[in-house]
Amino acid sequence: MSLSGTDAHAAADPATLPPLVRRALASARRHGFAQACRPEQGRLLHVLAGGARGRIGETGTGCGVGLAWLASGAREGVRLVSVERDAGRARVAAEVFADRPEVEVIHGDWRRIEEHGPYDLLVLDGGGTGKMPGDDPADPARLLAPGGTVVVDDFTPATGWPPLHEGAPDRARLHWLRHVALHTVELRLAEDLATLVGTRRRLAPTGPSWSSE
């Protein structure tokens, strides 16, 4: 989620937005939810969803904008599951997808995503990223199918090594970049926005603990 992600879509030509995304954006605006994913991130999710053949998962549904990008790009027959901890937002998002039986919005802690894996594509946006104190990072070796992809968004593009956060090594970013179960790259989507995309190794060991380097 981005602080002004909902408003960021206003600059886009509506004709370039999938109908389901437009529906989710309208719902987010009606309910005063400003923190949807940005359109740059949405377009990346749309492309990545097209490569999934089985199941797509997401933590942090919000009002469903990112999920709408995913559902719009997914192949026929792919199931999508998203977990939202706020009950009101979960209800709003479920209404957006009321006519999309392949999409399920679940209310609860992000760990409920574990009930429906493994995933071909897993988007960590509302828990499981390791960014916040007390938020343990998800285990991609357990949640991803072999060759599956994990996405962790909302980073400032790195300008050196190691990447920094508030003047210190960015432990969350380093965790994903150095994870032994993943091949991970940082993609710069805008001057101020980067996303990590990791692919699970076919023979993936259990992931490492935090790096202090």
N, C-alpha and C. Protein backbone atom coordinates (compact mmCIF):
# COMPACT_ATOMS: atom_id res chain seq x y z
N MET A 1 0.84 -1.19 0.00
CA MET A 1 0.00 0.00 0.00
C MET A 1 0.87 1.24 0.00
N SER A 2 0.47 2.25 -0.71
CA SER A 2 1.18 3.52 -0.76
C SER A 2 0.31 4.61 -0.16
N LEU A 3 0.95 5.60 0.48
CA LEU A 3 0.19 6.62 1.18
C LEU A 3 -0.78 7.35 0.28
N SER A 4 -0.41 7.58 -0.97
CA SER A 4 -1.29 8.32 -1.89
C SER A 4 -1.59 7.50 -3.14
N GLY A 5 -1.59 6.17 -2.99
CA GLY A 5 -1.76 5.31 -4.14
C GLY A 5 -3.09 5.47 -4.84
N THR A 6 -4.16 5.69 -4.08
CA THR A 6 -5.47 5.86 -4.69
C THR A 6 -5.49 7.09 -5.59
N ASP A 7 -5.01 8.21 -5.06
CA ASP A 7 -4.99 9.45 -5.85
C ASP A 7 -4.05 9.35 -7.03
N ALA A 8 -2.99 8.55 -6.91
CA ALA A 8 -2.02 8.44 -8.00
C ALA A 8 -2.66 7.90 -9.27
N HIS A 9 -3.74 7.14 -9.14
CA HIS A 9 -4.42 6.61 -10.32
C HIS A 9 -5.17 7.70 -11.08
N ALA A 10 -5.41 8.83 -10.43
CA ALA A 10 -6.19 9.89 -11.08
C ALA A 10 -5.49 10.43 -12.32
N ALA A 11 -4.16 10.35 -12.36
CA ALA A 11 -3.42 10.86 -13.50
C ALA A 11 -3.46 9.92 -14.70
N ALA A 12 -3.92 8.69 -14.47
CA ALA A 12 -3.95 7.71 -15.55
C ALA A 12 -5.20 7.88 -16.41
N ASP A 13 -5.08 7.63 -17.69
CA ASP A 13 -6.23 7.62 -18.58
C ASP A 13 -7.14 6.47 -18.17
N PRO A 14 -8.40 6.74 -17.80
CA PRO A 14 -9.29 5.66 -17.36
C PRO A 14 -9.37 4.52 -18.36
N ALA A 15 -9.21 4.83 -19.64
CA ALA A 15 -9.29 3.79 -20.66
C ALA A 15 -8.15 2.78 -20.55
N THR A 16 -7.06 3.17 -19.85
CA THR A 16 -5.92 2.27 -19.70
C THR A 16 -6.03 1.40 -18.45
N LEU A 17 -7.05 1.63 -17.64
CA LEU A 17 -7.24 0.86 -16.42
C LEU A 17 -8.26 -0.24 -16.65
N PRO A 18 -7.98 -1.47 -16.24
CA PRO A 18 -8.96 -2.53 -16.37
C PRO A 18 -10.26 -2.17 -15.64
N PRO A 19 -11.41 -2.60 -16.16
CA PRO A 19 -12.70 -2.26 -15.53
C PRO A 19 -12.76 -2.63 -14.05
N LEU A 20 -12.20 -3.78 -13.68
CA LEU A 20 -12.24 -4.19 -12.28
C LEU A 20 -11.42 -3.25 -11.41
N VAL A 21 -10.31 -2.74 -11.94
CA VAL A 21 -9.50 -1.76 -11.20
C VAL A 21 -10.29 -0.47 -11.02
N ARG A 22 -10.99 -0.03 -12.05
CA ARG A 22 -11.79 1.17 -11.93
C ARG A 22 -12.88 0.99 -10.87
N ARG A 23 -13.45 -0.19 -10.80
CA ARG A 23 -14.48 -0.47 -9.79
C ARG A 23 -13.89 -0.40 -8.39
N ALA A 24 -12.72 -1.01 -8.20
CA ALA A 24 -12.09 -0.99 -6.89
C ALA A 24 -11.67 0.41 -6.48
N LEU A 25 -11.17 1.19 -7.43
CA LEU A 25 -10.79 2.57 -7.13
C LEU A 25 -11.99 3.40 -6.71
N ALA A 26 -13.11 3.23 -7.40
CA ALA A 26 -14.32 3.97 -7.04
C ALA A 26 -14.76 3.62 -5.63
N SER A 27 -14.65 2.35 -5.27
CA SER A 27 -15.02 1.93 -3.92
C SER A 27 -14.07 2.50 -2.89
N ALA A 28 -12.77 2.50 -3.20
CA ALA A 28 -11.79 3.06 -2.27
C ALA A 28 -12.05 4.54 -2.03
N ARG A 29 -12.38 5.26 -3.08
CA ARG A 29 -12.66 6.70 -2.93
C ARG A 29 -13.93 6.93 -2.11
N ARG A 30 -14.95 6.14 -2.36
CA ARG A 30 -16.19 6.29 -1.60
C ARG A 30 -15.97 6.08 -0.12
N HIS A 31 -15.06 5.19 0.22
CA HIS A 31 -14.83 4.86 1.63
C HIS A 31 -13.62 5.58 2.21
N GLY A 32 -13.07 6.55 1.47
CA GLY A 32 -11.99 7.36 1.99
C GLY A 32 -10.69 6.62 2.21
N PHE A 33 -10.44 5.59 1.42
CA PHE A 33 -9.21 4.82 1.56
C PHE A 33 -8.19 5.33 0.56
N ALA A 34 -7.12 5.91 1.06
CA ALA A 34 -6.13 6.57 0.20
C ALA A 34 -4.92 5.71 -0.12
N GLN A 35 -4.78 4.56 0.55
CA GLN A 35 -3.51 3.84 0.52
C GLN A 35 -3.50 2.64 -0.43
N ALA A 36 -4.17 2.75 -1.55
CA ALA A 36 -4.11 1.69 -2.55
C ALA A 36 -2.70 1.62 -3.14
N CYS A 37 -2.41 0.50 -3.79
CA CYS A 37 -1.12 0.43 -4.48
C CYS A 37 -1.08 1.45 -5.61
N ARG A 38 0.09 1.91 -5.94
CA ARG A 38 0.24 2.88 -7.03
C ARG A 38 0.05 2.19 -8.39
N PRO A 39 -0.31 2.96 -9.42
CA PRO A 39 -0.53 2.34 -10.72
C PRO A 39 0.71 1.64 -11.27
N GLU A 40 1.90 2.16 -10.97
CA GLU A 40 3.12 1.49 -11.43
C GLU A 40 3.21 0.07 -10.86
N GLN A 41 2.88 -0.04 -9.58
CA GLN A 41 2.89 -1.35 -8.93
C GLN A 41 1.76 -2.21 -9.49
N GLY A 42 0.61 -1.60 -9.70
CA GLY A 42 -0.52 -2.35 -10.23
C GLY A 42 -0.22 -2.98 -11.58
N ARG A 43 0.43 -2.23 -12.43
CA ARG A 43 0.75 -2.77 -13.76
C ARG A 43 1.74 -3.94 -13.67
N LEU A 44 2.68 -3.84 -12.72
CA LEU A 44 3.60 -4.95 -12.51
C LEU A 44 2.83 -6.19 -12.03
N LEU A 45 1.92 -6.01 -11.09
CA LEU A 45 1.13 -7.12 -10.59
C LEU A 45 0.30 -7.75 -11.71
N HIS A 46 -0.23 -6.91 -12.58
CA HIS A 46 -1.04 -7.38 -13.70
C HIS A 46 -0.22 -8.32 -14.59
N VAL A 47 1.02 -7.93 -14.87
CA VAL A 47 1.88 -8.75 -15.71
C VAL A 47 2.27 -10.05 -14.99
N LEU A 48 2.67 -9.95 -13.73
CA LEU A 48 3.09 -11.14 -13.00
C LEU A 48 1.95 -12.13 -12.83
N ALA A 49 0.73 -11.63 -12.63
CA ALA A 49 -0.42 -12.51 -12.46
C ALA A 49 -0.64 -13.37 -13.69
N GLY A 50 -0.30 -12.86 -14.86
CA GLY A 50 -0.48 -13.63 -16.08
C GLY A 50 0.40 -14.86 -16.16
N GLY A 51 1.44 -14.93 -15.34
CA GLY A 51 2.33 -16.08 -15.34
C GLY A 51 1.94 -17.15 -14.34
N ALA A 52 0.94 -16.87 -13.50
CA ALA A 52 0.52 -17.85 -12.49
C ALA A 52 -0.45 -18.85 -13.10
N ARG A 53 -0.28 -20.11 -12.75
CA ARG A 53 -1.14 -21.15 -13.30
C ARG A 53 -2.05 -21.79 -12.26
N GLY A 54 -1.76 -21.59 -10.98
CA GLY A 54 -2.55 -22.25 -9.95
C GLY A 54 -3.22 -21.29 -8.99
N ARG A 55 -2.44 -20.64 -8.15
CA ARG A 55 -3.02 -19.84 -7.08
C ARG A 55 -2.19 -18.58 -6.84
N ILE A 56 -2.89 -17.48 -6.57
CA ILE A 56 -2.27 -16.19 -6.27
C ILE A 56 -2.72 -15.77 -4.88
N GLY A 57 -1.79 -15.32 -4.04
CA GLY A 57 -2.11 -14.86 -2.71
C GLY A 57 -1.67 -13.42 -2.49
N GLU A 58 -2.34 -12.75 -1.56
CA GLU A 58 -1.99 -11.36 -1.24
C GLU A 58 -2.28 -11.12 0.24
N THR A 59 -1.40 -10.40 0.90
CA THR A 59 -1.69 -9.91 2.25
C THR A 59 -1.90 -8.41 2.15
N GLY A 60 -2.91 -7.90 2.86
CA GLY A 60 -3.20 -6.47 2.83
C GLY A 60 -4.09 -6.09 1.66
N THR A 61 -5.34 -6.53 1.70
CA THR A 61 -6.27 -6.28 0.61
C THR A 61 -6.60 -4.80 0.45
N GLY A 62 -6.68 -4.08 1.58
CA GLY A 62 -7.19 -2.71 1.52
C GLY A 62 -8.61 -2.73 1.00
N CYS A 63 -8.91 -1.90 0.02
CA CYS A 63 -10.22 -1.92 -0.62
C CYS A 63 -10.20 -2.66 -1.95
N GLY A 64 -9.10 -3.36 -2.22
CA GLY A 64 -9.09 -4.28 -3.34
C GLY A 64 -8.47 -3.79 -4.63
N VAL A 65 -7.77 -2.66 -4.62
CA VAL A 65 -7.21 -2.14 -5.87
C VAL A 65 -6.09 -3.05 -6.39
N GLY A 66 -5.14 -3.38 -5.55
CA GLY A 66 -4.07 -4.28 -5.98
C GLY A 66 -4.61 -5.63 -6.39
N LEU A 67 -5.57 -6.13 -5.63
CA LEU A 67 -6.19 -7.41 -5.95
C LEU A 67 -6.91 -7.34 -7.30
N ALA A 68 -7.50 -6.20 -7.60
CA ALA A 68 -8.15 -6.02 -8.90
C ALA A 68 -7.15 -6.06 -10.05
N TRP A 69 -5.98 -5.46 -9.85
CA TRP A 69 -4.93 -5.56 -10.86
C TRP A 69 -4.53 -7.03 -11.06
N LEU A 70 -4.39 -7.76 -9.97
CA LEU A 70 -4.02 -9.17 -10.06
C LEU A 70 -5.09 -9.98 -10.77
N ALA A 71 -6.34 -9.80 -10.35
CA ALA A 71 -7.44 -10.57 -10.94
C ALA A 71 -7.62 -10.25 -12.41
N SER A 72 -7.36 -9.00 -12.78
CA SER A 72 -7.51 -8.60 -14.19
C SER A 72 -6.44 -9.23 -15.07
N GLY A 73 -5.28 -9.53 -14.49
CA GLY A 73 -4.20 -10.12 -15.28
C GLY A 73 -4.14 -11.62 -15.23
N ALA A 74 -4.88 -12.24 -14.28
CA ALA A 74 -4.79 -13.69 -14.08
C ALA A 74 -5.46 -14.47 -15.20
N ARG A 75 -4.93 -15.66 -15.46
CA ARG A 75 -5.52 -16.56 -16.44
C ARG A 75 -6.84 -17.13 -15.91
N GLU A 76 -7.66 -17.60 -16.81
CA GLU A 76 -8.89 -18.29 -16.43
C GLU A 76 -8.53 -19.54 -15.63
N GLY A 77 -9.24 -19.76 -14.54
CA GLY A 77 -9.02 -20.93 -13.70
C GLY A 77 -8.08 -20.71 -12.54
N VAL A 78 -7.41 -19.57 -12.49
CA VAL A 78 -6.52 -19.26 -11.37
C VAL A 78 -7.34 -18.73 -10.20
N ARG A 79 -7.06 -19.21 -9.02
CA ARG A 79 -7.76 -18.76 -7.81
C ARG A 79 -6.93 -17.69 -7.11
N LEU A 80 -7.61 -16.67 -6.59
CA LEU A 80 -6.93 -15.59 -5.88
C LEU A 80 -7.48 -15.49 -4.46
N VAL A 81 -6.57 -15.40 -3.49
CA VAL A 81 -6.93 -15.29 -2.07
C VAL A 81 -6.20 -14.09 -1.49
N SER A 82 -6.94 -13.21 -0.80
CA SER A 82 -6.33 -12.04 -0.19
C SER A 82 -6.82 -11.91 1.25
N VAL A 83 -5.91 -11.54 2.15
CA VAL A 83 -6.23 -11.41 3.57
C VAL A 83 -6.13 -9.95 3.99
N GLU A 84 -7.17 -9.46 4.70
CA GLU A 84 -7.21 -8.09 5.20
C GLU A 84 -7.56 -8.11 6.69
N ARG A 85 -6.74 -7.45 7.49
CA ARG A 85 -6.96 -7.50 8.94
C ARG A 85 -8.08 -6.59 9.42
N ASP A 86 -8.42 -5.54 8.64
CA ASP A 86 -9.48 -4.63 9.03
C ASP A 86 -10.82 -5.17 8.51
N ALA A 87 -11.76 -5.41 9.43
CA ALA A 87 -13.02 -6.05 9.05
C ALA A 87 -13.82 -5.20 8.07
N GLY A 88 -13.85 -3.88 8.29
CA GLY A 88 -14.61 -3.00 7.39
C GLY A 88 -14.04 -3.01 5.99
N ARG A 89 -12.72 -2.92 5.85
CA ARG A 89 -12.11 -2.94 4.53
C ARG A 89 -12.29 -4.30 3.86
N ALA A 90 -12.25 -5.36 4.65
CA ALA A 90 -12.46 -6.68 4.08
C ALA A 90 -13.85 -6.79 3.47
N ARG A 91 -14.85 -6.23 4.14
CA ARG A 91 -16.22 -6.25 3.60
C ARG A 91 -16.32 -5.43 2.32
N VAL A 92 -15.69 -4.26 2.33
CA VAL A 92 -15.72 -3.40 1.14
C VAL A 92 -15.09 -4.12 -0.03
N ALA A 93 -13.93 -4.74 0.18
CA ALA A 93 -13.24 -5.43 -0.90
C ALA A 93 -14.05 -6.62 -1.40
N ALA A 94 -14.66 -7.35 -0.46
CA ALA A 94 -15.47 -8.51 -0.87
C ALA A 94 -16.61 -8.08 -1.79
N GLU A 95 -17.17 -6.90 -1.55
CA GLU A 95 -18.25 -6.40 -2.41
C GLU A 95 -17.74 -6.12 -3.82
N VAL A 96 -16.52 -5.62 -3.91
CA VAL A 96 -15.94 -5.34 -5.23
C VAL A 96 -15.88 -6.60 -6.08
N PHE A 97 -15.59 -7.74 -5.43
CA PHE A 97 -15.39 -8.99 -6.15
C PHE A 97 -16.58 -9.95 -6.01
N ALA A 98 -17.74 -9.39 -5.69
CA ALA A 98 -18.91 -10.24 -5.45
C ALA A 98 -19.27 -11.10 -6.65
N ASP A 99 -18.98 -10.62 -7.85
CA ASP A 99 -19.31 -11.38 -9.06
C ASP A 99 -18.10 -12.11 -9.64
N ARG A 100 -17.05 -12.24 -8.83
CA ARG A 100 -15.84 -12.94 -9.28
C ARG A 100 -15.58 -14.13 -8.35
N PRO A 101 -16.18 -15.27 -8.63
CA PRO A 101 -16.09 -16.41 -7.70
C PRO A 101 -14.68 -16.94 -7.50
N GLU A 102 -13.77 -16.59 -8.40
CA GLU A 102 -12.40 -17.08 -8.26
C GLU A 102 -11.59 -16.26 -7.26
N VAL A 103 -12.19 -15.17 -6.76
CA VAL A 103 -11.50 -14.28 -5.82
C VAL A 103 -12.13 -14.41 -4.44
N GLU A 104 -11.30 -14.63 -3.43
CA GLU A 104 -11.77 -14.74 -2.05
C GLU A 104 -11.04 -13.73 -1.18
N VAL A 105 -11.80 -12.92 -0.44
CA VAL A 105 -11.23 -11.97 0.51
C VAL A 105 -11.50 -12.50 1.91
N ILE A 106 -10.45 -12.64 2.70
CA ILE A 106 -10.54 -13.20 4.04
C ILE A 106 -10.21 -12.13 5.07
N HIS A 107 -11.00 -12.06 6.13
CA HIS A 107 -10.69 -11.14 7.23
C HIS A 107 -9.84 -11.87 8.25
N GLY A 108 -8.71 -11.26 8.65
CA GLY A 108 -7.89 -11.85 9.69
C GLY A 108 -6.44 -11.43 9.60
N ASP A 109 -5.64 -11.99 10.47
CA ASP A 109 -4.20 -11.75 10.45
C ASP A 109 -3.60 -12.29 9.16
N TRP A 110 -2.52 -11.67 8.71
CA TRP A 110 -1.93 -12.05 7.43
C TRP A 110 -1.56 -13.53 7.37
N ARG A 111 -1.30 -14.13 8.52
CA ARG A 111 -0.89 -15.53 8.52
C ARG A 111 -1.97 -16.47 8.02
N ARG A 112 -3.20 -15.98 7.92
CA ARG A 112 -4.25 -16.82 7.36
C ARG A 112 -4.00 -17.15 5.88
N ILE A 113 -3.10 -16.42 5.26
CA ILE A 113 -2.75 -16.73 3.88
C ILE A 113 -2.15 -18.13 3.79
N GLU A 114 -1.58 -18.61 4.90
CA GLU A 114 -0.95 -19.93 4.92
C GLU A 114 -1.97 -21.05 4.73
N GLU A 115 -3.25 -20.76 4.98
CA GLU A 115 -4.28 -21.79 4.90
C GLU A 115 -4.55 -22.24 3.46
N HIS A 116 -4.11 -21.45 2.49
CA HIS A 116 -4.52 -21.70 1.11
C HIS A 116 -3.35 -21.90 0.15
N GLY A 117 -2.12 -21.93 0.66
CA GLY A 117 -0.97 -22.09 -0.21
C GLY A 117 -0.78 -23.53 -0.63
N PRO A 118 0.29 -23.81 -1.37
CA PRO A 118 1.32 -22.88 -1.82
C PRO A 118 0.86 -22.07 -3.03
N TYR A 119 1.60 -20.98 -3.30
CA TYR A 119 1.20 -20.01 -4.31
C TYR A 119 2.21 -19.96 -5.46
N ASP A 120 1.67 -19.71 -6.64
CA ASP A 120 2.53 -19.39 -7.78
C ASP A 120 3.01 -17.95 -7.70
N LEU A 121 2.17 -17.10 -7.11
CA LEU A 121 2.51 -15.68 -6.92
C LEU A 121 1.96 -15.25 -5.58
N LEU A 122 2.82 -14.65 -4.75
CA LEU A 122 2.42 -14.17 -3.43
C LEU A 122 2.87 -12.72 -3.28
N VAL A 123 1.91 -11.84 -3.05
CA VAL A 123 2.17 -10.41 -2.89
C VAL A 123 2.04 -10.06 -1.41
N LEU A 124 3.15 -9.64 -0.80
CA LEU A 124 3.17 -9.30 0.63
C LEU A 124 3.08 -7.79 0.77
N ASP A 125 1.93 -7.32 1.23
CA ASP A 125 1.72 -5.89 1.35
C ASP A 125 1.10 -5.51 2.68
N GLY A 126 0.50 -6.46 3.38
CA GLY A 126 -0.15 -6.16 4.65
C GLY A 126 0.26 -7.11 5.74
N GLY A 127 1.52 -7.46 5.81
CA GLY A 127 2.03 -8.40 6.79
C GLY A 127 2.90 -9.43 6.12
N GLY A 128 3.89 -9.90 6.84
CA GLY A 128 4.80 -10.89 6.31
C GLY A 128 6.00 -10.32 5.59
N THR A 129 6.14 -8.99 5.59
CA THR A 129 7.27 -8.37 4.89
C THR A 129 8.50 -8.24 5.78
N GLY A 130 8.29 -8.19 7.10
CA GLY A 130 9.39 -7.97 8.01
C GLY A 130 9.80 -6.52 8.16
N LYS A 131 9.02 -5.61 7.59
CA LYS A 131 9.40 -4.20 7.65
C LYS A 131 9.16 -3.57 9.02
N MET A 132 8.07 -3.99 9.67
CA MET A 132 7.66 -3.35 10.92
C MET A 132 8.06 -4.21 12.11
N PRO A 133 8.32 -3.58 13.28
CA PRO A 133 8.62 -4.36 14.48
C PRO A 133 7.49 -5.33 14.78
N GLY A 134 7.84 -6.56 15.08
CA GLY A 134 6.84 -7.57 15.40
C GLY A 134 6.24 -8.27 14.19
N ASP A 135 6.60 -7.83 12.99
CA ASP A 135 6.09 -8.45 11.77
C ASP A 135 7.15 -9.40 11.23
N ASP A 136 7.03 -10.67 11.58
CA ASP A 136 8.00 -11.65 11.11
C ASP A 136 7.82 -11.88 9.61
N PRO A 137 8.91 -11.98 8.87
CA PRO A 137 8.78 -12.20 7.43
C PRO A 137 8.22 -13.58 7.13
N ALA A 138 7.41 -13.64 6.07
CA ALA A 138 6.85 -14.90 5.62
C ALA A 138 7.96 -15.82 5.13
N ASP A 139 7.68 -17.11 5.14
CA ASP A 139 8.66 -18.10 4.69
C ASP A 139 8.34 -18.52 3.26
N PRO A 140 9.08 -18.02 2.28
CA PRO A 140 8.77 -18.34 0.88
C PRO A 140 8.99 -19.80 0.55
N ALA A 141 9.89 -20.48 1.26
CA ALA A 141 10.14 -21.89 0.98
C ALA A 141 8.91 -22.73 1.31
N ARG A 142 8.07 -22.23 2.22
CA ARG A 142 6.87 -22.96 2.61
C ARG A 142 5.63 -22.47 1.87
N LEU A 143 5.59 -21.18 1.53
CA LEU A 143 4.38 -20.60 0.96
C LEU A 143 4.36 -20.58 -0.56
N LEU A 144 5.53 -20.70 -1.19
CA LEU A 144 5.59 -20.66 -2.65
C LEU A 144 5.75 -22.07 -3.23
N ALA A 145 5.07 -22.30 -4.34
CA ALA A 145 5.35 -23.49 -5.13
C ALA A 145 6.74 -23.35 -5.73
N PRO A 146 7.41 -24.45 -6.06
CA PRO A 146 8.72 -24.34 -6.72
C PRO A 146 8.62 -23.47 -7.97
N GLY A 147 9.51 -22.50 -8.08
CA GLY A 147 9.46 -21.55 -9.18
C GLY A 147 8.49 -20.43 -8.98
N GLY A 148 7.79 -20.41 -7.83
CA GLY A 148 6.82 -19.35 -7.55
C GLY A 148 7.50 -18.02 -7.25
N THR A 149 6.71 -16.96 -7.27
CA THR A 149 7.23 -15.60 -7.16
C THR A 149 6.63 -14.90 -5.95
N VAL A 150 7.48 -14.19 -5.22
CA VAL A 150 7.03 -13.34 -4.11
C VAL A 150 7.34 -11.89 -4.47
N VAL A 151 6.43 -10.98 -4.10
CA VAL A 151 6.58 -9.55 -4.38
C VAL A 151 6.46 -8.79 -3.07
N VAL A 152 7.41 -7.92 -2.80
CA VAL A 152 7.39 -7.05 -1.62
C VAL A 152 7.60 -5.63 -2.12
N ASP A 153 6.60 -4.76 -1.93
CA ASP A 153 6.66 -3.44 -2.57
C ASP A 153 6.91 -2.31 -1.57
N ASP A 154 6.82 -1.10 -2.11
CA ASP A 154 6.94 0.14 -1.34
C ASP A 154 8.31 0.34 -0.70
N PHE A 155 9.35 0.22 -1.51
CA PHE A 155 10.70 0.60 -1.09
C PHE A 155 11.11 1.84 -1.86
N THR A 156 11.99 2.61 -1.26
CA THR A 156 12.66 3.68 -1.99
C THR A 156 13.81 3.06 -2.76
N PRO A 157 14.00 3.41 -4.03
CA PRO A 157 15.07 2.79 -4.81
C PRO A 157 16.43 2.92 -4.12
N ALA A 158 17.18 1.82 -4.11
CA ALA A 158 18.51 1.83 -3.52
C ALA A 158 19.47 2.62 -4.40
N THR A 159 20.38 3.34 -3.77
CA THR A 159 21.39 4.11 -4.50
C THR A 159 22.81 3.62 -4.23
N GLY A 160 22.94 2.60 -3.40
CA GLY A 160 24.25 2.05 -3.08
C GLY A 160 24.10 0.73 -2.37
N TRP A 161 25.21 0.17 -1.95
CA TRP A 161 25.19 -1.09 -1.22
C TRP A 161 25.98 -0.97 0.07
N PRO A 162 25.42 -1.42 1.19
CA PRO A 162 24.09 -2.02 1.30
C PRO A 162 23.00 -0.97 1.19
N PRO A 163 21.78 -1.35 0.82
CA PRO A 163 20.67 -0.39 0.82
C PRO A 163 20.42 0.10 2.24
N LEU A 164 20.07 1.37 2.36
CA LEU A 164 19.91 1.98 3.68
C LEU A 164 18.46 2.36 3.95
N HIS A 165 18.13 2.35 5.23
CA HIS A 165 16.83 2.86 5.69
C HIS A 165 17.10 3.66 6.95
N GLU A 166 16.79 4.96 6.88
CA GLU A 166 17.04 5.87 8.00
C GLU A 166 18.50 5.82 8.44
N GLY A 167 19.40 5.74 7.46
CA GLY A 167 20.82 5.81 7.72
C GLY A 167 21.50 4.52 8.12
N ALA A 168 20.73 3.44 8.26
CA ALA A 168 21.29 2.15 8.66
C ALA A 168 20.95 1.11 7.58
N PRO A 169 21.70 0.00 7.54
CA PRO A 169 21.36 -1.04 6.57
C PRO A 169 19.90 -1.44 6.67
N ASP A 170 19.25 -1.54 5.53
CA ASP A 170 17.82 -1.86 5.47
C ASP A 170 17.67 -3.37 5.65
N ARG A 171 17.42 -3.79 6.89
CA ARG A 171 17.41 -5.21 7.23
C ARG A 171 16.30 -5.95 6.49
N ALA A 172 15.14 -5.32 6.36
CA ALA A 172 14.03 -5.99 5.68
C ALA A 172 14.38 -6.24 4.21
N ARG A 173 14.91 -5.23 3.54
CA ARG A 173 15.26 -5.39 2.13
C ARG A 173 16.38 -6.43 1.97
N LEU A 174 17.38 -6.38 2.84
CA LEU A 174 18.48 -7.33 2.77
C LEU A 174 18.00 -8.76 3.02
N HIS A 175 17.01 -8.90 3.90
CA HIS A 175 16.46 -10.23 4.16
C HIS A 175 15.97 -10.87 2.87
N TRP A 176 15.23 -10.13 2.07
CA TRP A 176 14.67 -10.69 0.84
C TRP A 176 15.72 -10.80 -0.27
N LEU A 177 16.61 -9.85 -0.35
CA LEU A 177 17.63 -9.90 -1.39
C LEU A 177 18.61 -11.04 -1.18
N ARG A 178 18.85 -11.40 0.08
CA ARG A 178 19.83 -12.44 0.40
C ARG A 178 19.20 -13.78 0.77
N HIS A 179 17.90 -13.89 0.67
CA HIS A 179 17.22 -15.10 1.10
C HIS A 179 17.71 -16.30 0.30
N VAL A 180 18.14 -17.36 1.00
CA VAL A 180 18.73 -18.50 0.32
C VAL A 180 17.72 -19.30 -0.50
N ALA A 181 16.43 -19.11 -0.24
CA ALA A 181 15.40 -19.84 -0.99
C ALA A 181 14.98 -19.11 -2.25
N LEU A 182 15.53 -17.90 -2.48
CA LEU A 182 15.04 -17.04 -3.56
C LEU A 182 16.16 -16.52 -4.45
N HIS A 183 15.81 -16.25 -5.69
CA HIS A 183 16.57 -15.36 -6.55
C HIS A 183 15.78 -14.04 -6.55
N THR A 184 16.32 -12.99 -5.97
CA THR A 184 15.56 -11.75 -5.79
C THR A 184 16.26 -10.58 -6.47
N VAL A 185 15.46 -9.74 -7.11
CA VAL A 185 15.97 -8.51 -7.72
C VAL A 185 15.12 -7.34 -7.25
N GLU A 186 15.71 -6.16 -7.29
CA GLU A 186 14.97 -4.93 -7.02
C GLU A 186 14.62 -4.26 -8.35
N LEU A 187 13.36 -3.96 -8.54
CA LEU A 187 12.90 -3.29 -9.75
C LEU A 187 12.51 -1.86 -9.42
N ARG A 188 13.08 -0.90 -10.13
CA ARG A 188 12.70 0.50 -9.94
C ARG A 188 11.50 0.79 -10.84
N LEU A 189 10.38 1.13 -10.22
CA LEU A 189 9.14 1.39 -10.96
C LEU A 189 8.91 2.87 -11.20
N ALA A 190 9.53 3.71 -10.39
CA ALA A 190 9.44 5.16 -10.53
C ALA A 190 10.63 5.76 -9.81
N GLU A 191 10.80 7.04 -9.95
CA GLU A 191 11.95 7.70 -9.30
C GLU A 191 11.97 7.47 -7.80
N ASP A 192 10.78 7.32 -7.21
CA ASP A 192 10.67 7.19 -5.77
C ASP A 192 10.08 5.85 -5.33
N LEU A 193 10.03 4.87 -6.22
CA LEU A 193 9.34 3.62 -5.90
C LEU A 193 10.09 2.42 -6.46
N ALA A 194 10.33 1.44 -5.59
CA ALA A 194 10.96 0.19 -6.01
C ALA A 194 10.23 -0.99 -5.39
N THR A 195 10.34 -2.12 -6.04
CA THR A 195 9.70 -3.35 -5.60
C THR A 195 10.71 -4.49 -5.68
N LEU A 196 10.62 -5.40 -4.72
CA LEU A 196 11.45 -6.60 -4.76
C LEU A 196 10.63 -7.75 -5.35
N VAL A 197 11.22 -8.46 -6.28
CA VAL A 197 10.57 -9.62 -6.89
C VAL A 197 11.53 -10.79 -6.75
N GLY A 198 11.07 -11.84 -6.04
CA GLY A 198 11.91 -13.01 -5.83
C GLY A 198 11.26 -14.26 -6.38
N THR A 199 12.06 -15.12 -6.99
CA THR A 199 11.59 -16.40 -7.51
C THR A 199 12.15 -17.52 -6.66
N ARG A 200 11.28 -18.42 -6.22
CA ARG A 200 11.74 -19.52 -5.37
C ARG A 200 12.60 -20.48 -6.18
N ARG A 201 13.75 -20.82 -5.61
CA ARG A 201 14.62 -21.80 -6.23
C ARG A 201 13.91 -23.15 -6.26
N ARG A 202 14.20 -23.94 -7.26
CA ARG A 202 13.53 -25.24 -7.40
C ARG A 202 13.82 -26.16 -6.23
N LEU A 203 15.03 -26.11 -5.69
CA LEU A 203 15.38 -26.85 -4.49
C LEU A 203 15.69 -25.81 -3.43
N ALA A 204 14.65 -25.39 -2.70
CA ALA A 204 14.79 -24.23 -1.81
C ALA A 204 14.96 -24.66 -0.37
N PRO A 205 16.08 -24.31 0.26
CA PRO A 205 16.24 -24.55 1.69
C PRO A 205 15.41 -23.56 2.49
N THR A 206 15.29 -23.81 3.77
CA THR A 206 14.59 -22.88 4.65
C THR A 206 15.34 -21.57 4.71
N GLY A 207 14.60 -20.46 4.77
CA GLY A 207 15.20 -19.13 4.70
C GLY A 207 16.03 -18.76 5.90
N PRO A 208 16.89 -17.76 5.74
CA PRO A 208 17.82 -17.34 6.80
C PRO A 208 17.15 -16.42 7.79
N SER A 209 17.85 -16.19 8.88
CA SER A 209 17.44 -15.17 9.83
C SER A 209 17.90 -13.81 9.33
N TRP A 210 17.56 -12.75 10.08
CA TRP A 210 17.99 -11.41 9.71
C TRP A 210 19.50 -11.34 9.58
N SER A 211 19.93 -10.55 8.62
CA SER A 211 21.37 -10.28 8.48
C SER A 211 21.69 -8.99 9.20
N SER A 212 22.80 -8.95 9.90
CA SER A 212 23.21 -7.74 10.60
C SER A 212 24.18 -6.91 9.78
N GLU A 213 24.51 -7.39 8.55
CA GLU A 213 25.48 -6.68 7.74
C GLU A 213 24.84 -5.48 7.07
